[in-house]
Amino acid sequence: MKSAIRWLGILLGQLTIVKNKALFSRYIDFKQIIKASYLGNYLQISLLLLISFLKDNLQSKIFNTKNPWIKFLIGIILEIKNVNVQNCFVLRY
């Protein structure tokens, strides 16, 4: 299952980001996917999709790390990582 999700993210990234085409939120809204997965306890799967989608953005001229949309998506990943690290610290000690 994880490999299928990873390949789906890579495919979406290659069809959109690498070709410098936008992925409209009416088709796939990553913010809603992350929110629903957090509430449904399948956050790791949606993060895998998002990370594999963003891996191809280095090849893009428009969707690089200076793009506000890409910054927002990376910010979501970093925020979730920080929350998970803080929760693990609280649970251990």
Foldseek 3Di string as FASTA:
>chain_A
DLVVLLVQLLVLLVVDQLVPHDDDVVVPNLVVVCVVCVVVVNNVSSVSSLVSNCPPNVNGPARDCVDPVNVVSVVVVVVVVVVVVVVVVVVVD
